[in-house]
Protein backbone atom coordinates (compact mmCIF):
# COMPACT_ATOMS: atom_id res chain seq x y z
CA UNK A 1 219.80 -26.60 32.40
CA UNK A 2 222.66 -24.22 31.46
CA UNK A 3 224.97 -23.52 34.40
CA UNK A 4 224.66 -19.74 34.05
CA UNK A 5 220.85 -19.94 34.12
CA UNK A 6 220.95 -22.21 37.16
CA UNK A 7 223.31 -19.82 38.97
CA UNK A 8 220.98 -16.91 38.21
CA UNK A 9 217.97 -18.83 39.56
CA UNK A 10 219.96 -19.77 42.65
CA UNK A 11 220.83 -16.13 43.35
CA UNK A 12 217.19 -15.08 42.97
CA UNK A 13 216.05 -17.93 45.23
CA UNK A 14 218.77 -17.33 47.80
CA UNK A 15 218.47 -13.58 48.21
CA UNK A 16 214.68 -13.51 48.02
CA UNK A 17 214.62 -16.06 50.83
CA UNK A 18 217.30 -14.38 52.93
CA UNK A 19 215.80 -10.92 52.50
CA UNK A 20 212.12 -11.74 53.00
CA UNK A 21 212.28 -15.10 54.76
CA UNK A 22 211.52 -13.92 58.30
CA UNK A 23 208.56 -11.83 57.14
CA UNK A 24 207.24 -14.71 55.02
CA UNK A 25 207.54 -17.03 58.02
CA UNK A 26 205.51 -14.62 60.17
CA UNK A 27 202.91 -14.31 57.41
CA UNK A 28 202.65 -18.08 57.09
CA UNK A 29 202.42 -18.79 60.82
CA UNK A 30 199.70 -16.17 61.31
CA UNK A 31 197.81 -17.71 58.40
CA UNK A 32 198.02 -21.17 59.95
CA UNK A 33 196.49 -19.86 63.17
CA UNK A 34 193.64 -18.22 61.27
CA UNK A 35 192.78 -21.45 59.44
CA UNK A 36 191.28 -22.74 62.68
CA UNK A 37 189.98 -19.43 64.01
CA UNK A 38 186.47 -20.83 64.58
CA UNK A 39 187.82 -23.63 66.79
CA UNK A 40 190.06 -21.21 68.67
CA UNK A 41 187.10 -18.92 69.36
CA UNK A 42 185.01 -21.87 70.55
CA UNK A 43 187.72 -23.12 72.90
CA UNK A 44 186.63 -22.59 76.50
CA UNK A 45 183.10 -21.57 75.50
CA UNK A 46 180.16 -23.51 76.87
CA UNK A 47 178.36 -25.61 74.24
CA UNK A 48 175.53 -24.07 72.27
CA UNK A 49 172.10 -24.92 73.68
CA UNK A 50 170.08 -27.66 72.02
CA UNK A 51 166.86 -26.77 70.23
CA UNK A 52 163.75 -28.80 69.39
CA UNK A 53 164.22 -31.70 67.01
CA UNK A 54 162.61 -31.46 63.60
CA UNK A 55 162.87 -29.40 60.44
CA UNK A 56 160.10 -26.88 61.16
CA UNK A 57 161.32 -23.28 61.29
CA UNK A 58 159.25 -20.36 62.57
CA UNK A 59 159.07 -17.21 60.42
CA UNK A 60 162.42 -15.43 60.48
CA UNK A 61 160.80 -12.18 61.57
CA UNK A 62 159.44 -14.00 64.63
CA UNK A 63 162.89 -15.36 65.49
CA UNK A 64 164.43 -11.91 65.13
CA UNK A 65 161.70 -10.27 67.22
CA UNK A 66 162.19 -12.81 70.02
CA UNK A 67 165.93 -12.19 70.01
CA UNK A 68 165.54 -8.40 70.05
CA UNK A 69 163.36 -8.63 73.16
CA UNK A 70 166.27 -10.19 75.05
CA UNK A 71 169.20 -8.35 73.47
CA UNK A 72 170.86 -5.44 75.33
CA UNK A 73 171.04 -3.35 72.14
CA UNK A 74 167.67 -3.94 70.55
CA UNK A 75 168.28 -1.43 67.76
CA UNK A 76 171.75 -2.68 66.82
CA UNK A 77 172.62 -4.28 63.51
CA UNK A 78 171.67 -7.96 63.82
CA UNK A 79 172.45 -11.07 61.77
CA UNK A 80 170.35 -14.22 62.04
CA UNK A 81 172.31 -17.38 61.20
CA UNK A 82 170.14 -20.39 60.47
CA UNK A 83 170.97 -23.80 61.97
CA UNK A 84 172.86 -26.23 59.75
CA UNK A 85 171.23 -29.33 61.22
CA UNK A 86 168.12 -30.42 63.09
CA UNK A 87 168.29 -29.81 66.83
CA UNK A 88 170.67 -26.86 66.52
CA UNK A 89 169.69 -23.36 67.59
CA UNK A 90 169.47 -20.33 65.36
CA UNK A 91 171.88 -17.59 66.45
CA UNK A 92 171.19 -13.87 66.27
CA UNK A 93 174.31 -11.76 66.70
CA UNK A 94 173.86 -8.11 67.66
CA UNK A 95 176.79 -5.85 66.87
CA UNK A 96 178.22 -3.91 69.78
CA UNK A 97 179.29 -0.25 69.69
CA UNK A 98 182.75 0.15 68.18
CA UNK A 99 185.36 0.81 70.82
CA UNK A 100 182.78 0.96 73.62
CA UNK A 101 181.73 -1.46 76.36
CA UNK A 102 180.28 -4.63 74.89
CA UNK A 103 182.00 -3.92 71.58
CA UNK A 104 182.19 -7.60 70.70
CA UNK A 105 178.40 -7.81 70.62
CA UNK A 106 175.85 -10.30 71.92
CA UNK A 107 174.72 -13.73 70.73
CA UNK A 108 171.11 -14.74 71.30
CA UNK A 109 170.31 -18.44 70.77
CA UNK A 110 166.75 -19.06 69.61
CA UNK A 111 164.86 -22.32 69.11
CA UNK A 112 163.92 -22.14 65.40
CA UNK A 113 160.81 -24.29 65.90
CA UNK A 114 159.27 -22.30 68.78
CA UNK A 115 161.00 -18.87 68.74
CA UNK A 116 161.96 -19.47 72.38
CA UNK A 117 165.15 -17.75 73.52
CA UNK A 118 167.48 -20.46 74.85
CA UNK A 119 170.47 -18.40 75.93
CA UNK A 120 171.99 -14.91 75.77
CA UNK A 121 175.75 -14.50 76.02
CA UNK A 122 178.55 -12.17 74.88
CA UNK A 123 179.78 -12.99 71.39
CA UNK A 124 183.09 -14.89 71.53
CA UNK A 125 186.14 -12.80 70.78
CA UNK A 126 189.92 -13.15 70.87
CA UNK A 127 192.50 -10.39 71.04
CA UNK A 128 195.02 -12.89 69.63
CA UNK A 129 192.90 -13.61 66.55
CA UNK A 130 192.18 -9.91 66.02
CA UNK A 131 195.93 -9.27 66.08
CA UNK A 132 196.60 -12.20 63.73
CA UNK A 133 194.01 -10.90 61.26
CA UNK A 134 195.78 -7.53 61.18
CA UNK A 135 199.20 -9.16 60.94
CA UNK A 136 198.22 -11.51 58.14
CA UNK A 137 196.06 -9.00 56.29
CA UNK A 138 198.34 -5.96 56.22
CA UNK A 139 201.41 -6.67 58.41
CA UNK A 140 200.09 -4.03 60.85
CA UNK A 141 200.59 -1.38 58.16
CA UNK A 142 197.49 0.79 57.92
CA UNK A 143 195.63 1.56 54.72
CA UNK A 144 195.86 0.05 51.27
CA UNK A 145 199.67 0.05 51.42
CA UNK A 146 199.85 -2.75 53.98
CA UNK A 147 197.48 -4.92 51.98
CA UNK A 148 199.58 -4.42 48.85
CA UNK A 149 202.76 -5.34 50.73
CA UNK A 150 201.12 -8.64 51.70
CA UNK A 151 200.10 -9.17 48.07
CA UNK A 152 203.66 -8.69 46.87
CA UNK A 153 204.87 -11.11 49.54
CA UNK A 154 202.51 -13.64 47.98
CA UNK A 155 204.20 -12.96 44.64
CA UNK A 156 207.59 -13.48 46.34
CA UNK A 157 206.40 -16.89 47.54
CA UNK A 158 205.44 -17.78 43.97
CA UNK A 159 208.93 -16.76 42.83
CA UNK A 160 210.52 -18.87 45.57
CA UNK A 161 208.35 -21.85 44.68
CA UNK A 162 209.06 -21.61 40.94
CA UNK A 163 212.82 -21.10 41.28
CA UNK A 164 212.93 -23.79 43.95
CA UNK A 165 211.34 -26.31 41.58
CA UNK A 166 213.98 -25.64 38.91
CA UNK A 167 216.81 -25.87 41.45
CA UNK A 168 215.40 -29.09 42.93
CA UNK A 169 215.04 -30.81 39.53
CA UNK A 170 217.11 -34.03 39.88
CA UNK A 171 219.67 -35.32 37.43
CA UNK A 172 218.82 -38.30 35.27
CA UNK A 173 218.53 -41.47 37.33
CA UNK A 174 218.34 -39.62 40.67
CA UNK A 175 214.62 -38.85 40.85
CA UNK A 176 213.96 -40.99 43.90
CA UNK A 177 216.58 -39.12 45.92
CA UNK A 178 214.77 -35.84 45.29
CA UNK A 179 211.73 -37.00 47.27
CA UNK A 180 213.38 -38.39 50.39
CA UNK A 181 215.65 -37.47 53.29
CA UNK A 182 218.22 -40.23 53.65
CA UNK A 183 218.70 -41.74 57.11
CA UNK A 184 222.45 -41.16 57.06
CA UNK A 185 222.14 -37.53 55.98
CA UNK A 186 224.05 -35.23 58.32
CA UNK A 187 225.09 -31.60 58.41
CA UNK A 188 224.63 -29.62 55.21
CA UNK A 189 223.23 -32.62 53.32
CA UNK A 190 220.49 -33.13 55.94
CA UNK A 191 219.24 -29.55 55.64
CA UNK A 192 219.49 -29.61 51.86
CA UNK A 193 217.51 -32.84 51.51
CA UNK A 194 214.92 -31.68 54.06
CA UNK A 195 214.56 -28.36 52.22
CA UNK A 196 214.12 -30.06 48.86
CA UNK A 197 212.00 -33.06 49.85
CA UNK A 198 209.48 -31.05 51.89
CA UNK A 199 209.39 -28.43 49.16
CA UNK A 200 208.52 -30.87 46.38
CA UNK A 201 205.93 -32.81 48.41
CA UNK A 202 204.21 -29.57 49.41
CA UNK A 203 204.79 -27.77 46.11
CA UNK A 204 201.24 -27.83 44.73
CA UNK A 205 199.56 -26.76 47.99
CA UNK A 206 202.22 -24.10 48.64
CA UNK A 207 201.78 -22.60 45.17
CA UNK A 208 197.97 -22.63 45.36
CA UNK A 209 197.94 -20.89 48.74
CA UNK A 210 200.54 -18.35 47.55
CA UNK A 211 198.65 -17.68 44.32
CA UNK A 212 195.30 -17.24 46.03
CA UNK A 213 196.85 -14.90 48.59
CA UNK A 214 198.19 -12.67 45.83
CA UNK A 215 194.92 -12.94 43.88
CA UNK A 216 192.90 -11.66 46.85
CA UNK A 217 194.97 -8.47 46.84
CA UNK A 218 195.34 -8.08 43.06
CA UNK A 219 192.09 -9.50 41.61
CA UNK A 220 192.03 -7.43 38.43
CA UNK A 221 195.62 -8.36 37.59
CA UNK A 222 194.75 -12.04 38.00
CA UNK A 223 191.57 -11.69 35.92
CA UNK A 224 193.58 -10.12 33.13
CA UNK A 225 196.40 -12.67 33.39
CA UNK A 226 194.28 -15.84 33.31
CA UNK A 227 192.33 -14.54 30.29
CA UNK A 228 195.40 -13.12 28.50
CA UNK A 229 194.04 -9.60 28.83
CA UNK A 230 190.60 -10.37 27.38
CA UNK A 231 188.55 -10.10 30.58
CA UNK A 232 186.43 -7.06 31.31
CA UNK A 233 186.99 -5.51 34.75
CA UNK A 234 184.73 -6.85 37.48
CA UNK A 235 181.56 -4.81 37.90
CA UNK A 236 181.73 -2.44 40.86
CA UNK A 237 178.71 -2.35 43.18
CA UNK A 238 179.10 1.40 43.64
CA UNK A 239 179.09 1.13 47.44
CA UNK A 240 181.08 -0.40 50.28
CA UNK A 241 180.31 -4.09 50.65
CA UNK A 242 180.96 -3.75 54.39
CA UNK A 243 178.30 -1.09 54.99
CA UNK A 244 175.98 -1.96 52.09
CA UNK A 245 174.01 0.42 49.85
CA UNK A 246 171.96 3.33 51.13
CA UNK A 247 168.23 2.97 50.48
CA UNK A 248 165.53 5.63 50.58
CA UNK A 249 162.62 5.11 52.99
CA UNK A 250 159.17 5.53 51.43
CA UNK A 251 156.63 7.44 53.50
CA UNK A 252 153.53 5.41 54.31
CA UNK A 253 155.11 2.19 53.00
CA UNK A 254 155.84 -0.84 55.19
CA UNK A 255 159.35 -2.19 54.55
CA UNK A 256 159.85 -5.78 53.48
CA UNK A 257 160.56 -8.11 56.41
CA UNK A 258 163.19 -10.82 56.63
CA UNK A 259 160.87 -13.53 55.33
CA UNK A 260 159.89 -11.37 52.38
CA UNK A 261 163.54 -10.62 51.60
CA UNK A 262 164.43 -14.32 51.67
CA UNK A 263 161.44 -15.20 49.47
CA UNK A 264 162.54 -12.53 46.98
CA UNK A 265 166.04 -13.98 46.79
CA UNK A 266 164.85 -17.59 46.60
CA UNK A 267 162.62 -16.73 43.64
CA UNK A 268 165.68 -15.33 41.88
CA UNK A 269 167.94 -18.24 42.88
CA UNK A 270 165.76 -21.31 43.51
CA UNK A 271 167.36 -24.24 45.29
CA UNK A 272 170.27 -22.26 46.78
CA UNK A 273 170.23 -22.61 50.59
CA UNK A 274 170.02 -19.52 52.80
CA UNK A 275 172.73 -19.30 55.47
CA UNK A 276 172.01 -15.99 57.18
CA UNK A 277 169.96 -12.81 57.05
CA UNK A 278 171.10 -9.40 58.31
CA UNK A 279 168.36 -6.99 59.37
CA UNK A 280 168.89 -3.25 58.91
CA UNK A 281 169.43 -1.16 62.03
CA UNK A 282 168.30 2.06 60.32
CA UNK A 283 165.59 2.82 57.74
CA UNK A 284 168.23 3.75 55.13
CA UNK A 285 170.04 0.40 55.33
CA UNK A 286 169.52 -2.61 53.05
CA UNK A 287 168.69 -6.15 54.14
CA UNK A 288 171.37 -8.77 53.43
CA UNK A 289 170.74 -12.41 52.59
CA UNK A 290 173.73 -14.78 52.57
CA UNK A 291 173.42 -17.83 50.31
CA UNK A 292 175.38 -21.06 49.95
CA UNK A 293 175.93 -24.28 51.86
CA UNK A 294 178.65 -24.22 54.56
CA UNK A 295 181.20 -26.14 52.43
CA UNK A 296 180.12 -24.83 49.03
CA UNK A 297 183.13 -22.55 48.69
CA UNK A 298 181.59 -19.53 47.02
CA UNK A 299 179.30 -17.53 49.32
CA UNK A 300 176.76 -15.20 47.72
CA UNK A 301 175.42 -12.05 49.37
CA UNK A 302 172.26 -10.36 48.14
CA UNK A 303 171.44 -6.77 49.13
CA UNK A 304 167.70 -6.03 49.16
CA UNK A 305 166.00 -2.64 49.23
CA UNK A 306 163.16 -3.32 51.72
CA UNK A 307 161.22 -0.25 50.56
CA UNK A 308 161.36 -0.90 46.82
CA UNK A 309 161.15 -4.65 47.48
CA UNK A 310 163.86 -5.51 44.98
CA UNK A 311 167.37 -6.93 44.86
CA UNK A 312 169.89 -4.10 44.53
CA UNK A 313 173.09 -6.11 44.07
CA UNK A 314 174.36 -9.68 44.46
CA UNK A 315 177.97 -10.37 45.29
CA UNK A 316 179.16 -13.67 43.75
CA UNK A 317 175.73 -14.53 42.33
CA UNK A 318 174.88 -18.23 41.83
CA UNK A 319 175.28 -19.22 38.19
CA UNK A 320 177.86 -16.51 37.50
CA UNK A 321 180.37 -16.95 34.62
CA UNK A 322 183.28 -19.32 35.21
CA UNK A 323 185.82 -16.50 35.59
CA UNK A 324 183.73 -14.80 38.28
CA UNK A 325 183.33 -18.10 40.13
CA UNK A 326 187.07 -18.69 39.85
CA UNK A 327 187.80 -15.31 41.39
CA UNK A 328 185.19 -15.81 44.12
CA UNK A 329 186.90 -19.08 45.09
CA UNK A 330 190.25 -17.44 45.83
CA UNK A 331 189.49 -16.48 49.43
CA UNK A 332 187.79 -19.72 50.58
CA UNK A 333 190.57 -21.77 48.95
CA UNK A 334 193.19 -19.57 50.61
CA UNK A 335 191.71 -19.80 54.11
CA UNK A 336 190.77 -23.48 53.84
CA UNK A 337 187.03 -22.95 54.29
CA UNK A 338 186.22 -24.99 51.17
CA UNK A 339 187.19 -28.39 49.74
CA UNK A 340 186.70 -30.18 53.05
CA UNK A 341 188.78 -30.91 56.17
CA UNK A 342 191.73 -32.46 54.33
CA UNK A 343 192.32 -29.31 52.30
CA UNK A 344 191.92 -27.23 55.45
CA UNK A 345 194.64 -29.26 57.16
CA UNK A 346 196.91 -28.91 54.11
CA UNK A 347 196.42 -25.12 54.15
CA UNK A 348 197.34 -25.12 57.84
CA UNK A 349 200.52 -27.10 57.11
CA UNK A 350 201.42 -24.82 54.19
CA UNK A 351 201.53 -21.87 56.58
CA UNK A 352 204.23 -23.63 58.60
CA UNK A 353 206.44 -24.25 55.56
CA UNK A 354 208.00 -20.76 55.17
CA UNK A 355 209.41 -21.05 58.70
CA UNK A 356 210.90 -24.45 57.82
CA UNK A 357 212.28 -23.21 54.51
CA UNK A 358 213.85 -20.06 55.94
CA UNK A 359 215.42 -22.03 58.81
CA UNK A 360 216.93 -24.73 56.61
CA UNK A 361 217.89 -22.15 53.99
CA UNK A 362 219.76 -19.92 56.45
CA UNK A 363 221.52 -22.91 58.02
CA UNK A 364 222.65 -24.12 54.57
CA UNK A 365 223.89 -20.64 53.69
CA UNK A 366 225.86 -20.34 56.94
CA UNK A 367 227.37 -23.82 56.60
CA UNK A 368 228.41 -23.17 53.01
CA UNK A 369 230.06 -19.87 53.97
CA UNK A 370 231.96 -21.57 56.79
CA UNK A 371 233.12 -24.34 54.45
CA UNK A 372 234.43 -21.76 51.97
CA UNK A 373 236.36 -19.97 54.71
CA UNK A 374 237.96 -23.24 55.82
CA UNK A 375 238.94 -24.10 52.24
CA UNK A 376 240.40 -20.65 51.60
CA UNK A 377 242.28 -20.43 54.94
CA UNK A 378 245.25 -22.69 53.92
CA UNK A 379 245.74 -20.65 50.76
CA UNK A 380 245.98 -17.47 52.80
CA UNK A 381 248.52 -19.07 55.16
CA UNK A 382 250.60 -20.29 52.22
CA UNK A 383 250.72 -16.76 50.88
CA UNK A 384 251.91 -15.42 54.25
CA UNK A 385 254.65 -18.07 54.56
CA UNK A 386 255.89 -17.34 51.07
């Protein structure tokens, strides 16, 4: 590698790290906490009640009706999550009023085989996790601007990873030394070897997590990049995915129930397991059906018009083109919710790395500056004596 090119890469790597390192460390640490948000929420909670053994499941409308009878806010938006294994309870979560008492909502545990309510308790919540979601998602900067800042920080991590790989690249015959921290390493050498060895061992995971983080914020840019500009923009649903589409009630018509909505979706996508169903709280709201096994990676959401008895829109539909599936995988890969527990642990570790890199990087920079001052000091004294 030409010396001038290496010096240029070093300057980019150095000043990107020194300028953004603290923010990147905060972003990474908050991400590591969120990887295990489910376990953090469950900590200190009493175990979920056990249901009847067996695979028989009562009609979903019956389970929802039983839960509504016991819920404080019977008319609230409710989501029924089906059990993942025999003997587990179905859970119906009722949303609480935003900003009001009981805002975190209520969980009603129902025996799926008998529609018997087993327990009613406040939905678990954590002020820490809520803060971490805001910190990691937009750095506490409101609006689209904060989200874009986080996206560009993901790009900065990609730059640091790429330049770091070039700077790490060992000389001929010294490859083994690039992967280890020698026992006798001290001072500057210790931090340099730690910085490089950890960086190369974690390189692939670090780059994947950084790329997916940027891709979540800039999906159209990524679609265009991976297809060399040949991809059509992703189809817009024409409504907010958070609130769902508005539907028009039909006078004298009975709306489709939860079981009917699930049957409609299963006819369209046979063999794809149903994870949850969200019932509308108002006549102008759609029914949602969430599809996909817990570790499948891509989660599909179907919006059903209960009055017209048809599927309005499917987000991440099963059997979608490869590019759409690739884009849908970005979030579950980034948060570690796919590819199993080993990948989840690696994503957790990757969030700790920016703090390690910025610490070792700053220490190396300070030590090198001190060494230069010591070397230049005798020359200054010689000039004074002369």
